[in-house]
Amino acid sequence: MRLLFRRDDFDEQKIARLRAEIQIGLDELDRGEVVPLEDAFAEAREVIAAHRKRG
């Protein structure tokens, strides 16, 4: 039973952290702190390419 309670507590903590992260994103969106999706993908591709180049 203790393991089940620990697991439930752990799951609740993960859900709480996820909700907090989502709220941060929503707050940023409300403030207009957004990056167009294509720009985000372009930056991600650059980071990946640089990482691959370094080996």
PDB file of N, CA and C in Angstrom:
ATOM      1  N   MET A   1       0.820  -1.189   0.000  1.00  0.00           N
ATOM      2  CA  MET A   1       0.000   0.000   0.000  1.00  0.00           C
ATOM      3  C   MET A   1       0.867   1.258   0.000  1.00  0.00           C
ATOM      4  N   ARG A   2       1.959   1.206   0.771  1.00  0.00           N
ATOM      5  CA  ARG A   2       2.822   2.382   0.830  1.00  0.00           C
ATOM      6  C   ARG A   2       3.374   2.738  -0.541  1.00  0.00           C
ATOM      7  N   LEU A   3       3.730   1.717  -1.301  1.00  0.00           N
ATOM      8  CA  LEU A   3       4.255   1.969  -2.643  1.00  0.00           C
ATOM      9  C   LEU A   3       3.210   2.635  -3.529  1.00  0.00           C
ATOM     10  N   LEU A   4       1.977   2.219  -3.406  1.00  0.00           N
ATOM     11  CA  LEU A   4       0.907   2.837  -4.185  1.00  0.00           C
ATOM     12  C   LEU A   4       0.719   4.299  -3.793  1.00  0.00           C
ATOM     13  N   PHE A   5       0.772   4.565  -2.494  1.00  0.00           N
ATOM     14  CA  PHE A   5       0.634   5.952  -2.035  1.00  0.00           C
ATOM     15  C   PHE A   5       1.813   6.797  -2.508  1.00  0.00           C
ATOM     16  N   ARG A   6       3.017   6.231  -2.454  1.00  0.00           N
ATOM     17  CA  ARG A   6       4.193   6.961  -2.935  1.00  0.00           C
ATOM     18  C   ARG A   6       4.062   7.253  -4.425  1.00  0.00           C
ATOM     19  N   ARG A   7       3.595   6.253  -5.167  1.00  0.00           N
ATOM     20  CA  ARG A   7       3.432   6.445  -6.599  1.00  0.00           C
ATOM     21  C   ARG A   7       2.387   7.521  -6.871  1.00  0.00           C
ATOM     22  N   ASP A   8       1.291   7.495  -6.150  1.00  0.00           N
ATOM     23  CA  ASP A   8       0.254   8.516  -6.313  1.00  0.00           C
ATOM     24  C   ASP A   8       0.814   9.903  -6.001  1.00  0.00           C
ATOM     25  N   ASP A   9       1.594  10.005  -4.924  1.00  0.00           N
ATOM     26  CA  ASP A   9       2.199  11.289  -4.564  1.00  0.00           C
ATOM     27  C   ASP A   9       3.147  11.753  -5.667  1.00  0.00           C
ATOM     28  N   PHE A  10       3.942  10.820  -6.189  1.00  0.00           N
ATOM     29  CA  PHE A  10       4.877  11.155  -7.250  1.00  0.00           C
ATOM     30  C   PHE A  10       4.124  11.627  -8.497  1.00  0.00           C
ATOM     31  N   ASP A  11       3.062  10.919  -8.866  1.00  0.00           N
ATOM     32  CA  ASP A  11       2.254  11.310 -10.020  1.00  0.00           C
ATOM     33  C   ASP A  11       1.623  12.688  -9.812  1.00  0.00           C
ATOM     34  N   GLU A  12       1.140  12.926  -8.616  1.00  0.00           N
ATOM     35  CA  GLU A  12       0.535  14.232  -8.319  1.00  0.00           C
ATOM     36  C   GLU A  12       1.574  15.347  -8.420  1.00  0.00           C
ATOM     37  N   GLN A  13       2.792  15.073  -7.979  1.00  0.00           N
ATOM     38  CA  GLN A  13       3.866  16.066  -8.086  1.00  0.00           C
ATOM     39  C   GLN A  13       4.202  16.343  -9.556  1.00  0.00           C
ATOM     40  N   LYS A  14       4.257  15.273 -10.360  1.00  0.00           N
ATOM     41  CA  LYS A  14       4.541  15.456 -11.790  1.00  0.00           C
ATOM     42  C   LYS A  14       3.441  16.277 -12.447  1.00  0.00           C
ATOM     43  N   ILE A  15       2.203  15.987 -12.115  1.00  0.00           N
ATOM     44  CA  ILE A  15       1.071  16.732 -12.678  1.00  0.00           C
ATOM     45  C   ILE A  15       1.128  18.187 -12.246  1.00  0.00           C
ATOM     46  N   ALA A  16       1.460  18.437 -10.996  1.00  0.00           N
ATOM     47  CA  ALA A  16       1.558  19.810 -10.500  1.00  0.00           C
ATOM     48  C   ALA A  16       2.654  20.571 -11.229  1.00  0.00           C
ATOM     49  N   ARG A  17       3.815  19.915 -11.457  1.00  0.00           N
ATOM     50  CA  ARG A  17       4.905  20.571 -12.192  1.00  0.00           C
ATOM     51  C   ARG A  17       4.491  20.854 -13.629  1.00  0.00           C
ATOM     52  N   LEU A  18       3.813  19.905 -14.243  1.00  0.00           N
ATOM     53  CA  LEU A  18       3.354  20.092 -15.618  1.00  0.00           C
ATOM     54  C   LEU A  18       2.371  21.248 -15.710  1.00  0.00           C
ATOM     55  N   ARG A  19       1.442  21.308 -14.774  1.00  0.00           N
ATOM     56  CA  ARG A  19       0.480  22.417 -14.758  1.00  0.00           C
ATOM     57  C   ARG A  19       1.187  23.757 -14.572  1.00  0.00           C
ATOM     58  N   ALA A  20       2.212  23.781 -13.723  1.00  0.00           N
ATOM     59  CA  ALA A  20       2.966  25.016 -13.500  1.00  0.00           C
ATOM     60  C   ALA A  20       3.686  25.436 -14.781  1.00  0.00           C
ATOM     61  N   GLU A  21       4.282  24.483 -15.485  1.00  0.00           N
ATOM     62  CA  GLU A  21       4.969  24.790 -16.747  1.00  0.00           C
ATOM     63  C   GLU A  21       3.980  25.287 -17.800  1.00  0.00           C
ATOM     64  N   ILE A  22       2.818  24.675 -17.852  1.00  0.00           N
ATOM     65  CA  ILE A  22       1.788  25.115 -18.798  1.00  0.00           C
ATOM     66  C   ILE A  22       1.357  26.534 -18.471  1.00  0.00           C
ATOM     67  N   GLN A  23       1.197  26.833 -17.178  1.00  0.00           N
ATOM     68  CA  GLN A  23       0.789  28.179 -16.787  1.00  0.00           C
ATOM     69  C   GLN A  23       1.849  29.201 -17.172  1.00  0.00           C
ATOM     70  N   ILE A  24       3.117  28.843 -17.021  1.00  0.00           N
ATOM     71  CA  ILE A  24       4.196  29.745 -17.435  1.00  0.00           C
ATOM     72  C   ILE A  24       4.060  30.049 -18.921  1.00  0.00           C
ATOM     73  N   GLY A  25       3.834  29.027 -19.723  1.00  0.00           N
ATOM     74  CA  GLY A  25       3.667  29.219 -21.161  1.00  0.00           C
ATOM     75  C   GLY A  25       2.458  30.074 -21.487  1.00  0.00           C
ATOM     76  N   LEU A  26       1.354  29.850 -20.798  1.00  0.00           N
ATOM     77  CA  LEU A  26       0.155  30.652 -21.045  1.00  0.00           C
ATOM     78  C   LEU A  26       0.373  32.109 -20.662  1.00  0.00           C
ATOM     79  N   ASP A  27       1.089  32.327 -19.547  1.00  0.00           N
ATOM     80  CA  ASP A  27       1.400  33.698 -19.131  1.00  0.00           C
ATOM     81  C   ASP A  27       2.276  34.391 -20.170  1.00  0.00           C
ATOM     82  N   GLU A  28       3.273  33.675 -20.692  1.00  0.00           N
ATOM     83  CA  GLU A  28       4.132  34.238 -21.733  1.00  0.00           C
ATOM     84  C   GLU A  28       3.315  34.565 -22.979  1.00  0.00           C
ATOM     85  N   LEU A  29       2.408  33.699 -23.322  1.00  0.00           N
ATOM     86  CA  LEU A  29       1.543  33.932 -24.474  1.00  0.00           C
ATOM     87  C   LEU A  29       0.698  35.180 -24.264  1.00  0.00           C
ATOM     88  N   ASP A  30       0.133  35.332 -23.078  1.00  0.00           N
ATOM     89  CA  ASP A  30      -0.673  36.516 -22.761  1.00  0.00           C
ATOM     90  C   ASP A  30       0.142  37.804 -22.878  1.00  0.00           C
ATOM     91  N   ARG A  31       1.436  37.727 -22.534  1.00  0.00           N
ATOM     92  CA  ARG A  31       2.295  38.907 -22.613  1.00  0.00           C
ATOM     93  C   ARG A  31       2.842  39.134 -24.020  1.00  0.00           C
ATOM     94  N   GLY A  32       2.527  38.230 -24.933  1.00  0.00           N
ATOM     95  CA  GLY A  32       3.008  38.367 -26.309  1.00  0.00           C
ATOM     96  C   GLY A  32       4.426  37.873 -26.500  1.00  0.00           C
ATOM     97  N   GLU A  33       4.931  37.119 -25.550  1.00  0.00           N
ATOM     98  CA  GLU A  33       6.291  36.588 -25.619  1.00  0.00           C
ATOM     99  C   GLU A  33       6.270  35.258 -26.371  1.00  0.00           C
ATOM    100  N   VAL A  34       6.050  35.343 -27.654  1.00  0.00           N
ATOM    101  CA  VAL A  34       5.949  34.131 -28.468  1.00  0.00           C
ATOM    102  C   VAL A  34       6.943  34.193 -29.610  1.00  0.00           C
ATOM    103  N   VAL A  35       7.281  33.030 -30.127  1.00  0.00           N
ATOM    104  CA  VAL A  35       8.152  32.902 -31.275  1.00  0.00           C
ATOM    105  C   VAL A  35       7.360  32.140 -32.330  1.00  0.00           C
ATOM    106  N   PRO A  36       7.336  32.651 -33.556  1.00  0.00           N
ATOM    107  CA  PRO A  36       6.637  31.892 -34.598  1.00  0.00           C
ATOM    108  C   PRO A  36       7.182  30.466 -34.706  1.00  0.00           C
ATOM    109  N   LEU A  37       6.312  29.527 -34.950  1.00  0.00           N
ATOM    110  CA  LEU A  37       6.685  28.121 -34.969  1.00  0.00           C
ATOM    111  C   LEU A  37       7.832  27.844 -35.926  1.00  0.00           C
ATOM    112  N   GLU A  38       7.788  28.409 -37.116  1.00  0.00           N
ATOM    113  CA  GLU A  38       8.849  28.146 -38.094  1.00  0.00           C
ATOM    114  C   GLU A  38      10.189  28.654 -37.587  1.00  0.00           C
ATOM    115  N   ASP A  39      10.197  29.785 -36.880  1.00  0.00           N
ATOM    116  CA  ASP A  39      11.437  30.298 -36.299  1.00  0.00           C
ATOM    117  C   ASP A  39      11.977  29.347 -35.238  1.00  0.00           C
ATOM    118  N   ALA A  40      11.088  28.793 -34.434  1.00  0.00           N
ATOM    119  CA  ALA A  40      11.501  27.848 -33.396  1.00  0.00           C
ATOM    120  C   ALA A  40      12.098  26.596 -34.030  1.00  0.00           C
ATOM    121  N   PHE A  41      11.472  26.086 -35.089  1.00  0.00           N
ATOM    122  CA  PHE A  41      12.002  24.912 -35.777  1.00  0.00           C
ATOM    123  C   PHE A  41      13.341  25.214 -36.434  1.00  0.00           C
ATOM    124  N   ALA A  42      13.475  26.392 -37.021  1.00  0.00           N
ATOM    125  CA  ALA A  42      14.738  26.771 -37.655  1.00  0.00           C
ATOM    126  C   ALA A  42      15.858  26.802 -36.613  1.00  0.00           C
ATOM    127  N   GLU A  43      15.566  27.375 -35.458  1.00  0.00           N
ATOM    128  CA  GLU A  43      16.571  27.423 -34.392  1.00  0.00           C
ATOM    129  C   GLU A  43      16.926  26.018 -33.916  1.00  0.00           C
ATOM    130  N   ALA A  44      15.929  25.169 -33.779  1.00  0.00           N
ATOM    131  CA  ALA A  44      16.174  23.790 -33.351  1.00  0.00           C
ATOM    132  C   ALA A  44      17.039  23.064 -34.377  1.00  0.00           C
ATOM    133  N   ARG A  45      16.771  23.266 -35.658  1.00  0.00           N
ATOM    134  CA  ARG A  45      17.586  22.630 -36.696  1.00  0.00           C
ATOM    135  C   ARG A  45      19.032  23.111 -36.624  1.00  0.00           C
ATOM    136  N   GLU A  46      19.234  24.399 -36.352  1.00  0.00           N
ATOM    137  CA  GLU A  46      20.592  24.934 -36.223  1.00  0.00           C
ATOM    138  C   GLU A  46      21.326  24.314 -35.040  1.00  0.00           C
ATOM    139  N   VAL A  47      20.634  24.184 -33.922  1.00  0.00           N
ATOM    140  CA  VAL A  47      21.248  23.588 -32.735  1.00  0.00           C
ATOM    141  C   VAL A  47      21.618  22.139 -33.009  1.00  0.00           C
ATOM    142  N   ILE A  48      20.737  21.406 -33.651  1.00  0.00           N
ATOM    143  CA  ILE A  48      20.992  19.998 -33.973  1.00  0.00           C
ATOM    144  C   ILE A  48      22.175  19.883 -34.925  1.00  0.00           C
ATOM    145  N   ALA A  49      22.205  20.728 -35.946  1.00  0.00           N
ATOM    146  CA  ALA A  49      23.296  20.699 -36.925  1.00  0.00           C
ATOM    147  C   ALA A  49      24.637  21.005 -36.252  1.00  0.00           C
ATOM    148  N   ALA A  50      24.653  21.991 -35.351  1.00  0.00           N
ATOM    149  CA  ALA A  50      25.890  22.330 -34.645  1.00  0.00           C
ATOM    150  C   ALA A  50      26.336  21.187 -33.755  1.00  0.00           C
ATOM    151  N   HIS A  51      25.381  20.541 -33.119  1.00  0.00           N
ATOM    152  CA  HIS A  51      25.704  19.409 -32.247  1.00  0.00           C
ATOM    153  C   HIS A  51      26.293  18.261 -33.062  1.00  0.00           C
ATOM    154  N   ARG A  52      25.717  17.987 -34.191  1.00  0.00           N
ATOM    155  CA  ARG A  52      26.217  16.901 -35.055  1.00  0.00           C
ATOM    156  C   ARG A  52      27.597  17.225 -35.584  1.00  0.00           C
ATOM    157  N   LYS A  53      27.833  18.494 -35.879  1.00  0.00           N
ATOM    158  CA  LYS A  53      29.128  18.912 -36.419  1.00  0.00           C
ATOM    159  C   LYS A  53      30.235  18.693 -35.399  1.00  0.00           C
ATOM    160  N   ARG A  54      29.905  18.935 -34.114  1.00  0.00           N
ATOM    161  CA  ARG A  54      30.891  18.738 -33.046  1.00  0.00           C
ATOM    162  C   ARG A  54      31.164  17.269 -32.778  1.00  0.00           C
ATOM    163  N   GLY A  55      30.216  16.438 -33.205  1.00  0.00           N
ATOM    164  CA  GLY A  55      30.429  15.011 -33.131  1.00  0.00           C
ATOM    165  C   GLY A  55      30.016  14.353 -31.910  1.00  0.00           C
TER     166      GLY A  55
END
